[in-house]
PDB file of N, CA and C in Angstrom:
ATOM      1  N   MET A   1      12.659  81.519  12.516  1.00  0.00           N
ATOM      2  CA  MET A   1      13.132  80.551  11.811  1.00  0.00           C
ATOM      3  C   MET A   1      11.451  79.739  11.759  1.00  0.00           C
ATOM      4  N   HIS A   2      10.834  78.874  10.154  1.00  0.00           N
ATOM      5  CA  HIS A   2       9.508  78.777  10.261  1.00  0.00           C
ATOM      6  C   HIS A   2      10.150  76.501  10.805  1.00  0.00           C
ATOM      7  N   GLN A   3       8.495  76.417  11.137  1.00  0.00           N
ATOM      8  CA  GLN A   3       9.304  75.070  11.986  1.00  0.00           C
ATOM      9  C   GLN A   3       7.636  74.370  11.645  1.00  0.00           C
ATOM     10  N   PRO A   4       7.742  73.847  10.260  1.00  0.00           N
ATOM     11  CA  PRO A   4       6.334  72.484  10.151  1.00  0.00           C
ATOM     12  C   PRO A   4       5.898  72.486  11.188  1.00  0.00           C
ATOM     13  N   SER A   5       4.569  72.090  11.377  1.00  0.00           N
ATOM     14  CA  SER A   5       3.591  71.409  12.238  1.00  0.00           C
ATOM     15  C   SER A   5       4.162  69.768  12.548  1.00  0.00           C
ATOM     16  N   PRO A   6       3.705  69.396  13.510  1.00  0.00           N
ATOM     17  CA  PRO A   6       3.477  67.317  13.479  1.00  0.00           C
ATOM     18  C   PRO A   6       2.342  66.782  12.205  1.00  0.00           C
ATOM     19  N   GLU A   7       1.472  67.648  12.107  1.00  0.00           N
ATOM     20  CA  GLU A   7       0.828  67.294  11.741  1.00  0.00           C
ATOM     21  C   GLU A   7       0.826  67.338   9.790  1.00  0.00           C
ATOM     22  N   TYR A   8       1.027  66.591   9.214  1.00  0.00           N
ATOM     23  CA  TYR A   8       1.158  66.912   7.910  1.00  0.00           C
ATOM     24  C   TYR A   8       1.295  65.794   6.778  1.00  0.00           C
ATOM     25  N   LEU A   9       0.886  66.183   6.030  1.00  0.00           N
ATOM     26  CA  LEU A   9       0.888  64.999   4.772  1.00  0.00           C
ATOM     27  C   LEU A   9       2.476  64.735   3.759  1.00  0.00           C
ATOM     28  N   PRO A  10       2.842  64.341   3.620  1.00  0.00           N
ATOM     29  CA  PRO A  10       4.197  64.376   2.837  1.00  0.00           C
ATOM     30  C   PRO A  10       4.285  64.753   1.954  1.00  0.00           C
ATOM     31  N   TRP A  11       5.164  65.450   1.035  1.00  0.00           N
ATOM     32  CA  TRP A  11       5.480  66.255  -0.299  1.00  0.00           C
ATOM     33  C   TRP A  11       3.862  67.668   0.007  1.00  0.00           C
ATOM     34  N   GLN A  12       3.608  67.962   0.761  1.00  0.00           N
ATOM     35  CA  GLN A  12       2.499  69.216   0.596  1.00  0.00           C
ATOM     36  C   GLN A  12       2.948  69.877   0.921  1.00  0.00           C
ATOM     37  N   LEU A  13       2.359  71.762   0.782  1.00  0.00           N
ATOM     38  CA  LEU A  13       2.719  72.581   1.916  1.00  0.00           C
ATOM     39  C   LEU A  13       2.074  72.237   2.783  1.00  0.00           C
ATOM     40  N   ARG A  14       3.556  72.575   3.781  1.00  0.00           N
ATOM     41  CA  ARG A  14       2.253  72.397   5.158  1.00  0.00           C
ATOM     42  C   ARG A  14       2.645  74.234   5.810  1.00  0.00           C
ATOM     43  N   GLU A  15       1.831  74.098   6.966  1.00  0.00           N
ATOM     44  CA  GLU A  15       1.764  74.987   7.826  1.00  0.00           C
ATOM     45  C   GLU A  15       3.233  75.336   9.173  1.00  0.00           C
ATOM     46  N   CYS A  16       3.304  76.834   9.055  1.00  0.00           N
ATOM     47  CA  CYS A  16       4.523  76.659  10.063  1.00  0.00           C
ATOM     48  C   CYS A  16       4.146  76.529  11.543  1.00  0.00           C
ATOM     49  N   ALA A  17       4.387  75.581  12.674  1.00  0.00           N
ATOM     50  CA  ALA A  17       4.338  75.303  13.857  1.00  0.00           C
ATOM     51  C   ALA A  17       4.076  76.802  15.045  1.00  0.00           C
ATOM     52  N   GLN A  18       5.018  77.786  14.119  1.00  0.00           N
ATOM     53  CA  GLN A  18       5.287  79.128  15.085  1.00  0.00           C
ATOM     54  C   GLN A  18       4.353  80.497  14.737  1.00  0.00           C
ATOM     55  N   CYS A  19       4.487  80.328  13.146  1.00  0.00           N
ATOM     56  CA  CYS A  19       3.762  81.626  13.100  1.00  0.00           C
ATOM     57  C   CYS A  19       2.536  81.314  11.981  1.00  0.00           C
ATOM     58  N   GLY A  20       1.822  80.410  11.492  1.00  0.00           N
ATOM     59  CA  GLY A  20       1.299  79.777  10.578  1.00  0.00           C
ATOM     60  C   GLY A  20       1.485  80.101   8.828  1.00  0.00           C
ATOM     61  N   ALA A  21       2.435  80.717   8.901  1.00  0.00           N
ATOM     62  CA  ALA A  21       2.527  81.697   7.601  1.00  0.00           C
ATOM     63  C   ALA A  21       3.042  79.645   6.651  1.00  0.00           C
ATOM     64  N   ASP A  22       2.946  79.771   4.905  1.00  0.00           N
ATOM     65  CA  ASP A  22       2.561  78.303   4.339  1.00  0.00           C
ATOM     66  C   ASP A  22       4.030  78.380   4.493  1.00  0.00           C
ATOM     67  N   ILE A  23       4.672  77.185   4.534  1.00  0.00           N
ATOM     68  CA  ILE A  23       6.277  76.854   3.838  1.00  0.00           C
ATOM     69  C   ILE A  23       6.432  75.266   3.219  1.00  0.00           C
ATOM     70  N   ILE A  24       7.138  75.088   3.068  1.00  0.00           N
ATOM     71  CA  ILE A  24       7.315  73.879   2.002  1.00  0.00           C
ATOM     72  C   ILE A  24       8.992  73.499   2.737  1.00  0.00           C
ATOM     73  N   ALA A  25       8.307  72.333   3.692  1.00  0.00           N
ATOM     74  CA  ALA A  25       9.369  71.621   4.406  1.00  0.00           C
ATOM     75  C   ALA A  25      10.031  70.106   3.869  1.00  0.00           C
ATOM     76  N   PRO A  26      11.341  70.230   3.756  1.00  0.00           N
ATOM     77  CA  PRO A  26      11.247  68.420   3.672  1.00  0.00           C
ATOM     78  C   PRO A  26      10.814  67.160   4.341  1.00  0.00           C
ATOM     79  N   ASP A  27      10.848  66.414   3.880  1.00  0.00           N
ATOM     80  CA  ASP A  27      10.042  64.992   4.956  1.00  0.00           C
ATOM     81  C   ASP A  27      11.583  64.954   5.977  1.00  0.00           C
ATOM     82  N   PRO A  28      10.856  63.380   6.455  1.00  0.00           N
ATOM     83  CA  PRO A  28      11.844  63.288   7.471  1.00  0.00           C
ATOM     84  C   PRO A  28      12.524  62.661   7.110  1.00  0.00           C
ATOM     85  N   PRO A  29      13.936  62.028   6.817  1.00  0.00           N
ATOM     86  CA  PRO A  29      14.288  61.170   5.865  1.00  0.00           C
ATOM     87  C   PRO A  29      14.159  59.648   6.528  1.00  0.00           C
ATOM     88  N   VAL A  30      13.535  58.949   5.106  1.00  0.00           N
ATOM     89  CA  VAL A  30      13.799  57.502   4.773  1.00  0.00           C
ATOM     90  C   VAL A  30      14.576  56.753   4.999  1.00  0.00           C
ATOM     91  N   GLU A  31      14.871  55.964   5.810  1.00  0.00           N
ATOM     92  CA  GLU A  31      15.701  55.394   5.959  1.00  0.00           C
ATOM     93  C   GLU A  31      15.218  53.124   5.959  1.00  0.00           C
ATOM     94  N   ASN A  32      15.327  53.777   3.984  1.00  0.00           N
ATOM     95  CA  ASN A  32      15.104  52.227   3.437  1.00  0.00           C
ATOM     96  C   ASN A  32      15.261  52.156   2.706  1.00  0.00           C
ATOM     97  N   SER A  33      15.640  51.315   1.865  1.00  0.00           N
ATOM     98  CA  SER A  33      16.418  51.054   0.216  1.00  0.00           C
ATOM     99  C   SER A  33      15.401  50.916  -0.204  1.00  0.00           C
ATOM    100  N   ASP A  34      14.019  50.540  -0.216  1.00  0.00           N
ATOM    101  CA  ASP A  34      12.717  50.127  -0.534  1.00  0.00           C
ATOM    102  C   ASP A  34      12.488  51.210  -1.668  1.00  0.00           C
ATOM    103  N   PHE A  35      12.272  52.262  -0.571  1.00  0.00           N
ATOM    104  CA  PHE A  35      11.462  53.403  -0.926  1.00  0.00           C
ATOM    105  C   PHE A  35      12.505  54.473  -1.650  1.00  0.00           C
ATOM    106  N   TRP A  36      13.691  53.736  -1.561  1.00  0.00           N
ATOM    107  CA  TRP A  36      14.691  54.688  -3.047  1.00  0.00           C
ATOM    108  C   TRP A  36      15.210  54.428  -4.014  1.00  0.00           C
ATOM    109  N   ARG A  37      14.507  53.169  -4.076  1.00  0.00           N
ATOM    110  CA  ARG A  37      14.949  52.257  -5.440  1.00  0.00           C
ATOM    111  C   ARG A  37      13.078  52.304  -5.939  1.00  0.00           C
ATOM    112  N   LYS A  38      12.250  53.429  -5.430  1.00  0.00           N
ATOM    113  CA  LYS A  38      10.919  53.000  -5.855  1.00  0.00           C
ATOM    114  C   LYS A  38      10.983  54.803  -6.631  1.00  0.00           C
ATOM    115  N   ARG A  39      11.743  55.493  -6.075  1.00  0.00           N
ATOM    116  CA  ARG A  39      11.968  56.539  -6.320  1.00  0.00           C
ATOM    117  C   ARG A  39      12.250  56.807  -7.596  1.00  0.00           C
ATOM    118  N   ALA A  40      13.400  55.974  -7.334  1.00  0.00           N
ATOM    119  CA  ALA A  40      14.325  56.109  -9.228  1.00  0.00           C
ATOM    120  C   ALA A  40      14.023  55.259 -10.099  1.00  0.00           C
ATOM    121  N   GLU A  41      12.989  54.428  -9.749  1.00  0.00           N
ATOM    122  CA  GLU A  41      12.322  54.328 -10.593  1.00  0.00           C
ATOM    123  C   GLU A  41      10.687  54.998 -11.563  1.00  0.00           C
ATOM    124  N   GLU A  42      10.467  56.038 -10.129  1.00  0.00           N
ATOM    125  CA  GLU A  42       9.520  56.699 -10.439  1.00  0.00           C
ATOM    126  C   GLU A  42      10.521  57.874 -11.482  1.00  0.00           C
ATOM    127  N   ALA A  43      11.355  58.265 -10.643  1.00  0.00           N
ATOM    128  CA  ALA A  43      12.422  59.444 -11.774  1.00  0.00           C
ATOM    129  C   ALA A  43      12.877  58.458 -12.946  1.00  0.00           C
ATOM    130  N   ARG A  44      12.846  57.445 -13.329  1.00  0.00           N
ATOM    131  CA  ARG A  44      13.588  56.759 -14.886  1.00  0.00           C
ATOM    132  C   ARG A  44      11.629  57.254 -15.551  1.00  0.00           C
ATOM    133  N   THR A  45      11.146  56.648 -14.912  1.00  0.00           N
ATOM    134  CA  THR A  45       9.733  56.875 -15.617  1.00  0.00           C
ATOM    135  C   THR A  45       8.926  58.005 -15.906  1.00  0.00           C
ATOM    136  N   LEU A  46       9.831  59.440 -15.414  1.00  0.00           N
ATOM    137  CA  LEU A  46       9.292  60.868 -15.566  1.00  0.00           C
ATOM    138  C   LEU A  46      10.082  60.611 -16.493  1.00  0.00           C
ATOM    139  N   SER A  47      11.635  60.477 -16.907  1.00  0.00           N
ATOM    140  CA  SER A  47      12.537  60.631 -17.712  1.00  0.00           C
ATOM    141  C   SER A  47      11.968  60.188 -18.568  1.00  0.00           C
ATOM    142  N   GLU A  48      11.246  59.388 -18.877  1.00  0.00           N
ATOM    143  CA  GLU A  48      10.890  59.355 -20.560  1.00  0.00           C
ATOM    144  C   GLU A  48      10.047  59.126 -21.399  1.00  0.00           C
ATOM    145  N   ARG A  49       9.278  60.350 -20.376  1.00  0.00           N
ATOM    146  CA  ARG A  49       8.105  61.752 -20.719  1.00  0.00           C
ATOM    147  C   ARG A  49       8.474  62.946 -21.244  1.00  0.00           C
ATOM    148  N   MET A  50      10.076  62.878 -20.701  1.00  0.00           N
ATOM    149  CA  MET A  50      10.624  64.124 -21.185  1.00  0.00           C
ATOM    150  C   MET A  50      11.040  64.828 -22.607  1.00  0.00           C
ATOM    151  N   VAL A  51      10.403  66.009 -23.289  1.00  0.00           N
ATOM    152  CA  VAL A  51      10.929  66.118 -24.596  1.00  0.00           C
ATOM    153  C   VAL A  51      12.336  66.163 -24.735  1.00  0.00           C
ATOM    154  N   ASP A  52      12.228  67.361 -23.998  1.00  0.00           N
ATOM    155  CA  ASP A  52      13.940  68.125 -23.890  1.00  0.00           C
ATOM    156  C   ASP A  52      15.269  66.972 -23.299  1.00  0.00           C
ATOM    157  N   ALA A  53      16.166  66.877 -24.089  1.00  0.00           N
ATOM    158  CA  ALA A  53      17.011  65.614 -23.905  1.00  0.00           C
ATOM    159  C   ALA A  53      18.168  65.894 -22.579  1.00  0.00           C
ATOM    160  N   TYR A  54      18.318  67.650 -22.252  1.00  0.00           N
ATOM    161  CA  TYR A  54      18.327  67.883 -21.499  1.00  0.00           C
ATOM    162  C   TYR A  54      17.527  67.583 -19.667  1.00  0.00           C
ATOM    163  N   THR A  55      16.741  67.884 -20.127  1.00  0.00           N
ATOM    164  CA  THR A  55      15.968  67.333 -18.440  1.00  0.00           C
ATOM    165  C   THR A  55      15.488  65.878 -18.397  1.00  0.00           C
ATOM    166  N   LYS A  56      15.876  64.771 -19.902  1.00  0.00           N
ATOM    167  CA  LYS A  56      16.226  63.896 -19.655  1.00  0.00           C
ATOM    168  C   LYS A  56      16.919  62.692 -18.946  1.00  0.00           C
ATOM    169  N   VAL A  57      18.321  63.794 -19.187  1.00  0.00           N
ATOM    170  CA  VAL A  57      19.644  63.985 -18.602  1.00  0.00           C
ATOM    171  C   VAL A  57      19.156  64.437 -17.059  1.00  0.00           C
ATOM    172  N   LEU A  58      18.880  64.694 -16.684  1.00  0.00           N
ATOM    173  CA  LEU A  58      18.445  65.453 -15.348  1.00  0.00           C
ATOM    174  C   LEU A  58      17.769  64.951 -14.826  1.00  0.00           C
ATOM    175  N   MET A  59      16.592  63.924 -14.736  1.00  0.00           N
ATOM    176  CA  MET A  59      15.832  63.009 -14.754  1.00  0.00           C
ATOM    177  C   MET A  59      16.862  61.680 -14.162  1.00  0.00           C
ATOM    178  N   LEU A  60      17.219  61.137 -15.035  1.00  0.00           N
ATOM    179  CA  LEU A  60      18.401  60.010 -14.949  1.00  0.00           C
ATOM    180  C   LEU A  60      19.134  60.504 -14.027  1.00  0.00           C
ATOM    181  N   GLY A  61      19.857  60.873 -13.930  1.00  0.00           N
ATOM    182  CA  GLY A  61      20.524  61.866 -12.895  1.00  0.00           C
ATOM    183  C   GLY A  61      19.868  61.736 -11.329  1.00  0.00           C
ATOM    184  N   ILE A  62      18.865  62.523 -11.400  1.00  0.00           N
ATOM    185  CA  ILE A  62      18.243  61.818 -10.237  1.00  0.00           C
ATOM    186  C   ILE A  62      18.317  60.405  -9.729  1.00  0.00           C
ATOM    187  N   ALA A  63      17.534  59.612 -10.870  1.00  0.00           N
ATOM    188  CA  ALA A  63      17.226  58.200 -10.790  1.00  0.00           C
ATOM    189  C   ALA A  63      18.774  57.613  -9.826  1.00  0.00           C
ATOM    190  N   GLU A  64      19.797  57.719 -10.965  1.00  0.00           N
ATOM    191  CA  GLU A  64      20.951  57.378  -9.762  1.00  0.00           C
ATOM    192  C   GLU A  64      21.421  57.568  -8.674  1.00  0.00           C
ATOM    193  N   THR A  65      21.102  59.091  -8.290  1.00  0.00           N
ATOM    194  CA  THR A  65      21.314  59.599  -6.949  1.00  0.00           C
ATOM    195  C   THR A  65      20.469  58.741  -6.076  1.00  0.00           C
ATOM    196  N   TYR A  66      19.271  58.233  -6.602  1.00  0.00           N
ATOM    197  CA  TYR A  66      18.284  57.459  -5.439  1.00  0.00           C
ATOM    198  C   TYR A  66      19.271  56.448  -5.701  1.00  0.00           C
ATOM    199  N   GLU A  67      19.258  55.806  -6.220  1.00  0.00           N
ATOM    200  CA  GLU A  67      19.752  54.042  -6.284  1.00  0.00           C
ATOM    201  C   GLU A  67      21.047  54.220  -5.395  1.00  0.00           C
ATOM    202  N   ARG A  68      22.006  55.286  -5.484  1.00  0.00           N
ATOM    203  CA  ARG A  68      22.847  55.628  -4.969  1.00  0.00           C
ATOM    204  C   ARG A  68      22.200  55.487  -3.596  1.00  0.00           C
ATOM    205  N   ILE A  69      21.824  55.912  -2.913  1.00  0.00           N
ATOM    206  CA  ILE A  69      20.856  56.708  -1.683  1.00  0.00           C
ATOM    207  C   ILE A  69      20.930  54.739  -1.076  1.00  0.00           C
ATOM    208  N   ALA A  70      19.438  54.646  -2.213  1.00  0.00           N
ATOM    209  CA  ALA A  70      19.253  52.839  -2.153  1.00  0.00           C
ATOM    210  C   ALA A  70      20.432  52.408  -1.261  1.00  0.00           C
ATOM    211  N   ALA A  71      21.471  51.521  -2.274  1.00  0.00           N
ATOM    212  CA  ALA A  71      22.815  51.012  -1.464  1.00  0.00           C
ATOM    213  C   ALA A  71      23.132  51.267  -0.554  1.00  0.00           C
ATOM    214  N   SER A  72      23.719  52.646  -0.379  1.00  0.00           N
ATOM    215  CA  SER A  72      24.121  53.471   0.940  1.00  0.00           C
ATOM    216  C   SER A  72      23.363  52.809   2.550  1.00  0.00           C
ATOM    217  N   TYR A  73      22.062  52.724   2.050  1.00  0.00           N
ATOM    218  CA  TYR A  73      20.922  52.194   3.026  1.00  0.00           C
ATOM    219  C   TYR A  73      21.143  50.459   3.110  1.00  0.00           C
ATOM    220  N   ASP A  74      21.469  50.093   1.887  1.00  0.00           N
ATOM    221  CA  ASP A  74      21.771  48.541   2.189  1.00  0.00           C
ATOM    222  C   ASP A  74      23.038  48.191   3.048  1.00  0.00           C
ATOM    223  N   LEU A  75      23.861  49.505   2.456  1.00  0.00           N
ATOM    224  CA  LEU A  75      25.342  49.139   2.961  1.00  0.00           C
ATOM    225  C   LEU A  75      24.970  48.526   4.614  1.00  0.00           C
ATOM    226  N   ILE A  76      23.943  49.883   5.143  1.00  0.00           N
ATOM    227  CA  ILE A  76      23.501  50.157   6.632  1.00  0.00           C
ATOM    228  C   ILE A  76      23.417  49.320   7.230  1.00  0.00           C
ATOM    229  N   ALA A  77      22.574  48.610   6.457  1.00  0.00           N
ATOM    230  CA  ALA A  77      22.073  47.218   7.226  1.00  0.00           C
ATOM    231  C   ALA A  77      22.371  46.161   7.458  1.00  0.00           C
ATOM    232  N   ASN A  78      23.183  45.990   6.722  1.00  0.00           N
ATOM    233  CA  ASN A  78      24.412  45.168   6.616  1.00  0.00           C
ATOM    234  C   ASN A  78      25.678  44.715   7.778  1.00  0.00           C
ATOM    235  N   PHE A  79      25.661  45.992   8.228  1.00  0.00           N
ATOM    236  CA  PHE A  79      26.749  46.509   9.053  1.00  0.00           C
ATOM    237  C   PHE A  79      26.108  46.625   9.885  1.00  0.00           C
ATOM    238  N   GLU A  80      23.987  46.320  10.577  1.00  0.00           N
ATOM    239  CA  GLU A  80      23.114  46.638  11.099  1.00  0.00           C
ATOM    240  C   GLU A  80      23.103  44.743  12.044  1.00  0.00           C
ATOM    241  N   GLN A  81      23.733  43.964  11.058  1.00  0.00           N
ATOM    242  CA  GLN A  81      23.146  42.955  11.492  1.00  0.00           C
ATOM    243  C   GLN A  81      23.895  42.123  12.371  1.00  0.00           C
ATOM    244  N   PRO A  82      23.186  41.681  13.302  1.00  0.00           N
ATOM    245  CA  PRO A  82      24.100  41.056  14.759  1.00  0.00           C
ATOM    246  C   PRO A  82      25.806  40.076  14.805  1.00  0.00           C
ATOM    247  N   LEU A  83      26.216  40.153  15.727  1.00  0.00           N
ATOM    248  CA  LEU A  83      27.851  39.725  15.617  1.00  0.00           C
ATOM    249  C   LEU A  83      27.330  38.131  15.511  1.00  0.00           C
ATOM    250  N   ASP A  84      27.892  37.484  14.959  1.00  0.00           N
ATOM    251  CA  ASP A  84      27.582  35.732  15.792  1.00  0.00           C
ATOM    252  C   ASP A  84      28.572  35.407  16.340  1.00  0.00           C
ATOM    253  N   THR A  85      28.554  35.753  17.540  1.00  0.00           N
ATOM    254  CA  THR A  85      29.717  35.472  19.084  1.00  0.00           C
ATOM    255  C   THR A  85      29.948  33.894  18.704  1.00  0.00           C
ATOM    256  N   LYS A  86      29.255  33.062  18.641  1.00  0.00           N
ATOM    257  CA  LYS A  86      30.415  32.077  18.874  1.00  0.00           C
ATOM    258  C   LYS A  86      31.488  31.492  18.505  1.00  0.00           C
ATOM    259  N   TYR A  87      31.981  32.251  17.337  1.00  0.00           N
ATOM    260  CA  TYR A  87      33.512  32.368  17.525  1.00  0.00           C
ATOM    261  C   TYR A  87      34.425  33.327  17.766  1.00  0.00           C
ATOM    262  N   MET A  88      33.269  33.984  18.455  1.00  0.00           N
ATOM    263  CA  MET A  88      34.462  34.889  19.452  1.00  0.00           C
ATOM    264  C   MET A  88      35.102  34.421  20.227  1.00  0.00           C
ATOM    265  N   GLY A  89      36.502  34.416  21.184  1.00  0.00           N
ATOM    266  CA  GLY A  89      36.536  34.308  21.727  1.00  0.00           C
ATOM    267  C   GLY A  89      36.262  34.969  23.497  1.00  0.00           C
ATOM    268  N   ASP A  90      35.418  33.835  24.247  1.00  0.00           N
ATOM    269  CA  ASP A  90      34.861  34.422  25.355  1.00  0.00           C
ATOM    270  C   ASP A  90      36.016  34.636  26.526  1.00  0.00           C
TER     271      ASP A  90
END
């Protein structure tokens, strides 16, 4: 199975670390809601350029999915806040 080499730029064709073949591999996950909101805005901007109605709807759906991912990371960030222990019985 092909594995991307560790030295690569995001969103580009990559080289397999094992055999040197060109492969397309996903980027590492970005655990940041701002990143996903920016991607959602990019998808909405692209949808405005779409002539075909079906393609436009697909791009808007992608934007909505990115917004949901961002909201999920916001929820995770809220759960990771430290607890205020002064109200917890010792």
